[in-house]
Each structure stands twice: as C-alpha cells, then as structure tokens.
Amino acid sequence: MDTCACALELLGMLVYVGAWLCDLTTTILPQWLTMSTALLPVESYELGLWETCVVQDVGGMECRAYDSLLGLSTDLKLARILMCISLAVGMLGLLVAIPGLYLVNSCGEHGGYRTKRTLTITGGVLGIISGVLCLIPVSYMAHLAVIHFFDDKVPDVVPRWEFGDALFCGWAGGFLFIVAGLLLITSGLCSQVEPQPVLQRRYQVMSADASFRKRTEYV
C-alpha cells in the first residue's frame, strides 16, 4: 500500500470520527428550532427531538421532556428514527473500517489484503449511508421551518420557528460522513495491488534467472 492511500485512509478515519460526534451532538441538542416573541423579548423557546426548553436572557434555562411518545408529531418521530439509525450505521461503519486499516495487522502480515480492502470500502459505503440518513431529517425540519415562516396565512405578529444550532451541526455531520466515506473508498481502490511476500519474490527471481541460464547454455 502506497503512502497516498495510507494518508487518505487515516484522514478518512479522522473525518469519520468527527462526523459521528457531530451526528451525536445534533441528536442530543434541543436547539433544532428556536423561536422568540416580541411580547416576551427576554425569553426564547427551543425545540429538540427529546425535549423543549425555555431560555431567559438572564442565563436561566428550563427544559421539559415530551410527556408521551404517541403524542409527538410525525415529523419528530421520523427525525428521531432516522437520527438513531444514522448513529447506529455510522458506528457500524466505524467498527467495520477499523480492522481494514493498513496499520492494523488483523489479517496477517502477508495475506488478507483483499479482506482489509473490502472492509475499508464497506466502512466507507456505510459512512455515506449514515450521512444521507443524517441529512434527511435535518433538511426536512429546515424545510418545514421555511414553509411555516413564509406562510401568508399566518399573521406577521405571530412568532415563527427559525433554524437552531443543531440543524447546522447536523448538516456538517452529514457532509463529513459523506466526505469520510469517499476518502475510505478511494483509499481502498488505490490499494488494489496486493504485495507479494519477500520469499515468493525471491523464488520468482531465482526461477527466472535459472531459466535464462538454461536458455543461454542451450544456445
């Protein structure tokens, strides 16, 4: 395996870990959507997947978890499911890609290079899938916020939900997942040449030399 492929592999793993942490942060943060009212400028509201919070300008913050799962809207249920699946697929891809690293001698010194390459590419594909699963709920919630914000049927004095920090973190995590997956796939494709053992190469050189000598003596 050449140096370029090894560097892509290590860079892909670092980006992979950062993407998974962003995905986890997005799932936990309550700032998916934020809303502030003109009637109470000292307070703002935050909507997350697991709880809603009231934030005061003086620094106080009070959060309350949702009372019932059945009472949640379909949008929040779908976002919960997709984000949890994204975390699970991302962790699975990370665990699959680690044994396929060039620096991890889990398949033997002279053999198993095809297996390691397959594990690396599989981890990259799972990373891309995880990124897509993360981008879907984040983009969908942002889409709903935009539709409701520019709804002409709602009076201008009525407060509206706006983008929260969790959405931006989710977009970053999804794109990082895709970048990490592409890096791992590229590193796997760049390492298609399987190195031969030293003894086997010596035997081939000696056989070729002996064959050449026989042909010379015959002539």
Protein backbone atom coordinates (compact mmCIF):
# COMPACT_ATOMS: atom_id res chain seq x y z
CA MET A 1 0.00 0.00 0.00
CA ASP A 2 1.46 3.34 -1.02
CA THR A 3 1.79 6.41 1.13
CA CYS A 4 -1.03 8.29 -0.61
CA ALA A 5 -3.59 5.57 0.05
CA CYS A 6 -2.46 5.28 3.67
CA ALA A 7 -2.81 9.06 4.16
CA LEU A 8 -6.31 9.01 2.64
CA GLU A 9 -7.21 6.15 4.94
CA LEU A 10 -6.09 7.92 8.09
CA LEU A 11 -7.69 11.21 7.03
CA GLY A 12 -10.94 9.40 6.30
CA MET A 13 -10.99 7.83 9.76
CA LEU A 14 -10.36 11.17 11.47
CA VAL A 15 -13.16 12.82 9.50
CA TYR A 16 -15.36 9.77 10.21
CA VAL A 17 -14.96 10.18 13.99
CA GLY A 18 -15.65 13.91 13.76
CA ALA A 19 -18.77 13.27 11.69
CA TRP A 20 -20.12 10.74 14.19
CA LEU A 21 -19.58 13.17 17.07
CA CYS A 22 -21.43 15.89 15.13
CA ASP A 23 -24.24 13.44 14.46
CA LEU A 24 -24.46 12.56 18.15
CA THR A 25 -24.42 16.22 19.16
CA THR A 26 -27.20 17.00 16.70
CA THR A 27 -29.35 14.21 18.10
CA ILE A 28 -28.91 15.36 21.69
CA LEU A 29 -29.12 19.15 21.30
CA PRO A 30 -32.54 20.72 21.88
CA GLN A 31 -31.82 23.64 19.52
CA TRP A 32 -33.31 22.16 16.37
CA LEU A 33 -35.74 25.07 16.07
CA THR A 34 -35.77 28.33 18.01
CA MET A 35 -38.48 30.94 18.48
CA SER A 36 -38.52 34.35 20.17
CA THR A 37 -41.58 36.52 20.67
CA ALA A 38 -41.92 40.29 20.62
CA LEU A 39 -44.27 40.15 23.61
CA LEU A 40 -41.63 38.46 25.78
CA PRO A 41 -38.26 39.54 24.39
CA VAL A 42 -36.41 38.23 27.45
CA GLU A 43 -37.48 34.65 26.70
CA SER A 44 -36.96 32.34 23.76
CA TYR A 45 -38.13 28.81 23.05
CA GLU A 46 -36.16 25.87 21.71
CA LEU A 47 -37.49 22.69 20.16
CA GLY A 48 -35.50 19.45 20.06
CA LEU A 49 -36.10 15.79 19.38
CA TRP A 50 -36.34 14.84 23.03
CA GLU A 51 -37.36 17.99 24.91
CA THR A 52 -38.42 21.63 24.67
CA CYS A 53 -36.65 24.43 26.53
CA VAL A 54 -37.33 27.97 27.64
CA VAL A 55 -34.24 30.21 27.69
CA GLN A 56 -34.12 33.53 29.51
CA ASP A 57 -31.73 36.39 28.77
CA VAL A 58 -30.52 36.42 32.37
CA GLY A 59 -29.00 32.98 31.80
CA GLY A 60 -31.69 30.66 33.08
CA MET A 61 -32.80 27.65 31.07
CA GLU A 62 -35.58 25.19 31.82
CA CYS A 63 -36.17 22.09 29.72
CA ARG A 64 -39.00 19.59 29.78
CA ALA A 65 -39.09 16.21 28.08
CA TYR A 66 -42.05 15.18 25.97
CA ASP A 67 -44.76 13.51 28.01
CA SER A 68 -45.73 10.78 25.59
CA LEU A 69 -44.25 9.19 22.50
CA LEU A 70 -47.69 8.79 20.94
CA GLY A 71 -48.35 12.49 21.34
CA LEU A 72 -45.39 13.51 19.20
CA SER A 73 -45.86 14.77 15.68
CA THR A 74 -44.94 12.58 12.75
CA ASP A 75 -42.05 14.89 11.87
CA LEU A 76 -40.37 14.47 15.25
CA LYS A 77 -40.93 10.71 15.25
CA LEU A 78 -39.38 10.38 11.79
CA ALA A 79 -36.45 12.60 12.77
CA ARG A 80 -35.82 10.54 15.90
CA ILE A 81 -35.85 7.26 13.99
CA LEU A 82 -33.58 8.45 11.18
CA MET A 83 -31.07 10.09 13.52
CA CYS A 84 -30.83 6.97 15.69
CA ILE A 85 -30.39 4.79 12.60
CA SER A 86 -27.74 7.20 11.33
CA LEU A 87 -25.82 6.89 14.59
CA ALA A 88 -26.07 3.08 14.53
CA VAL A 89 -24.98 2.80 10.88
CA GLY A 90 -22.14 5.25 11.46
CA MET A 91 -20.86 3.30 14.45
CA LEU A 92 -21.15 0.04 12.50
CA GLY A 93 -19.18 1.54 9.61
CA LEU A 94 -16.52 2.76 12.01
CA LEU A 95 -16.17 -0.68 13.60
CA VAL A 96 -16.02 -2.33 10.18
CA ALA A 97 -13.42 0.09 8.80
CA ILE A 98 -11.00 -0.14 11.75
CA PRO A 99 -9.90 -3.78 11.07
CA GLY A 100 -9.37 -2.83 7.43
CA LEU A 101 -6.83 -0.13 8.23
CA TYR A 102 -3.37 -0.66 6.81
CA LEU A 103 -1.80 -0.02 10.22
CA VAL A 104 -3.94 -2.71 11.86
CA ASN A 105 -2.39 -6.13 11.20
CA SER A 106 -5.56 -8.08 11.84
CA CYS A 107 -5.40 -10.19 8.68
CA GLY A 108 -1.86 -11.40 8.83
CA GLU A 109 1.40 -10.00 7.56
CA HIS A 110 1.42 -11.45 4.05
CA GLY A 111 -2.23 -12.32 3.45
CA GLY A 112 -5.68 -10.86 3.83
CA TYR A 113 -5.09 -7.69 1.84
CA ARG A 114 -8.25 -8.23 -0.17
CA THR A 115 -10.23 -8.68 3.04
CA LYS A 116 -8.78 -5.49 4.53
CA ARG A 117 -9.58 -3.59 1.35
CA THR A 118 -13.14 -4.93 1.37
CA LEU A 119 -13.61 -3.85 4.99
CA THR A 120 -12.33 -0.35 4.23
CA ILE A 121 -14.64 0.09 1.25
CA THR A 122 -17.60 -1.33 3.19
CA GLY A 123 -16.93 1.11 6.03
CA GLY A 124 -16.86 3.96 3.52
CA VAL A 125 -20.19 2.91 1.99
CA LEU A 126 -21.78 2.71 5.45
CA GLY A 127 -20.42 6.18 6.19
CA ILE A 128 -22.10 7.61 3.09
CA ILE A 129 -25.38 5.92 4.05
CA SER A 130 -25.12 7.36 7.56
CA GLY A 131 -24.52 10.82 6.15
CA VAL A 132 -27.59 10.62 3.93
CA LEU A 133 -29.70 9.39 6.86
CA CYS A 134 -28.48 12.37 8.90
CA LEU A 135 -29.13 14.95 6.18
CA ILE A 136 -32.71 13.80 5.51
CA PRO A 137 -34.32 14.73 8.89
CA VAL A 138 -32.19 17.86 9.31
CA SER A 139 -33.08 19.17 5.86
CA TYR A 140 -36.72 18.18 6.26
CA MET A 141 -37.11 20.06 9.56
CA ALA A 142 -35.43 23.09 7.97
CA HIS A 143 -37.81 22.80 5.02
CA LEU A 144 -40.84 22.82 7.34
CA ALA A 145 -39.47 25.85 9.20
CA VAL A 146 -39.06 27.76 5.93
CA ILE A 147 -42.58 26.88 4.77
CA HIS A 148 -44.16 27.99 8.04
CA PHE A 149 -42.01 31.12 8.21
CA PHE A 150 -43.17 32.38 4.81
CA ASP A 151 -46.77 31.24 5.18
CA ASP A 152 -49.03 34.14 4.13
CA LYS A 153 -51.97 32.75 6.09
CA VAL A 154 -50.18 33.36 9.41
CA PRO A 155 -50.24 36.99 10.64
CA ASP A 156 -46.93 38.77 10.94
CA VAL A 157 -47.34 39.27 14.68
CA VAL A 158 -47.41 35.52 15.29
CA PRO A 159 -43.93 34.19 16.20
CA ARG A 160 -42.35 31.62 13.92
CA TRP A 161 -39.78 28.89 14.32
CA GLU A 162 -36.31 29.55 12.94
CA PHE A 163 -33.16 27.47 12.39
CA GLY A 164 -31.36 26.31 15.52
CA ASP A 165 -27.72 25.39 16.06
CA ALA A 166 -28.49 21.67 15.88
CA LEU A 167 -29.50 21.95 12.23
CA PHE A 168 -26.16 23.46 11.23
CA CYS A 169 -24.33 20.82 13.26
CA GLY A 170 -26.38 18.12 11.53
CA TRP A 171 -25.56 19.47 8.08
CA ALA A 172 -21.88 19.50 8.99
CA GLY A 173 -22.06 15.94 10.32
CA GLY A 174 -23.87 14.63 7.25
CA PHE A 175 -21.43 16.16 4.78
CA LEU A 176 -18.46 15.00 6.87
CA PHE A 177 -19.86 11.46 6.81
CA ILE A 178 -20.04 11.57 3.02
CA VAL A 179 -16.52 13.00 2.72
CA ALA A 180 -15.15 10.36 5.10
CA GLY A 181 -16.87 7.59 3.15
CA LEU A 182 -15.47 8.82 -0.15
CA LEU A 183 -11.97 9.02 1.35
CA LEU A 184 -12.15 5.44 2.64
CA ILE A 185 -13.49 4.14 -0.66
CA THR A 186 -10.76 5.98 -2.56
CA SER A 187 -8.05 4.62 -0.27
CA GLY A 188 -9.41 1.10 -0.77
CA LEU A 189 -9.45 1.46 -4.55
CA CYS A 190 -5.91 2.87 -4.56
CA SER A 191 -4.58 -0.21 -2.76
CA GLN A 192 -5.60 -2.78 -5.37
CA VAL A 193 -2.09 -4.14 -5.83
CA GLU A 194 -1.53 -6.90 -3.31
CA PRO A 195 2.10 -7.03 -2.21
CA GLN A 196 3.83 -10.38 -2.63
CA PRO A 197 5.82 -11.98 0.16
CA VAL A 198 9.57 -11.46 0.03
CA LEU A 199 10.35 -15.19 -0.22
CA GLN A 200 7.91 -15.61 -3.09
CA ARG A 201 9.50 -12.71 -4.99
CA ARG A 202 12.96 -14.18 -4.42
CA TYR A 203 11.78 -17.55 -5.67
CA GLN A 204 10.35 -15.99 -8.82
CA VAL A 205 13.59 -14.08 -9.46
CA MET A 206 15.68 -17.22 -8.94
CA SER A 207 13.41 -19.24 -11.23
CA ALA A 208 13.62 -16.60 -13.95
CA ASP A 209 17.41 -16.45 -13.59
CA ALA A 210 17.74 -20.24 -13.80
CA SER A 211 15.51 -20.36 -16.87
CA PHE A 212 17.57 -17.64 -18.53
CA ARG A 213 20.81 -19.53 -17.83
CA LYS A 214 19.41 -22.74 -19.31
CA ARG A 215 18.39 -20.91 -22.46
CA THR A 216 21.86 -19.35 -22.73
CA GLU A 217 23.63 -22.69 -22.29
CA TYR A 218 21.36 -24.28 -24.89
CA VAL A 219 22.22 -21.59 -27.42
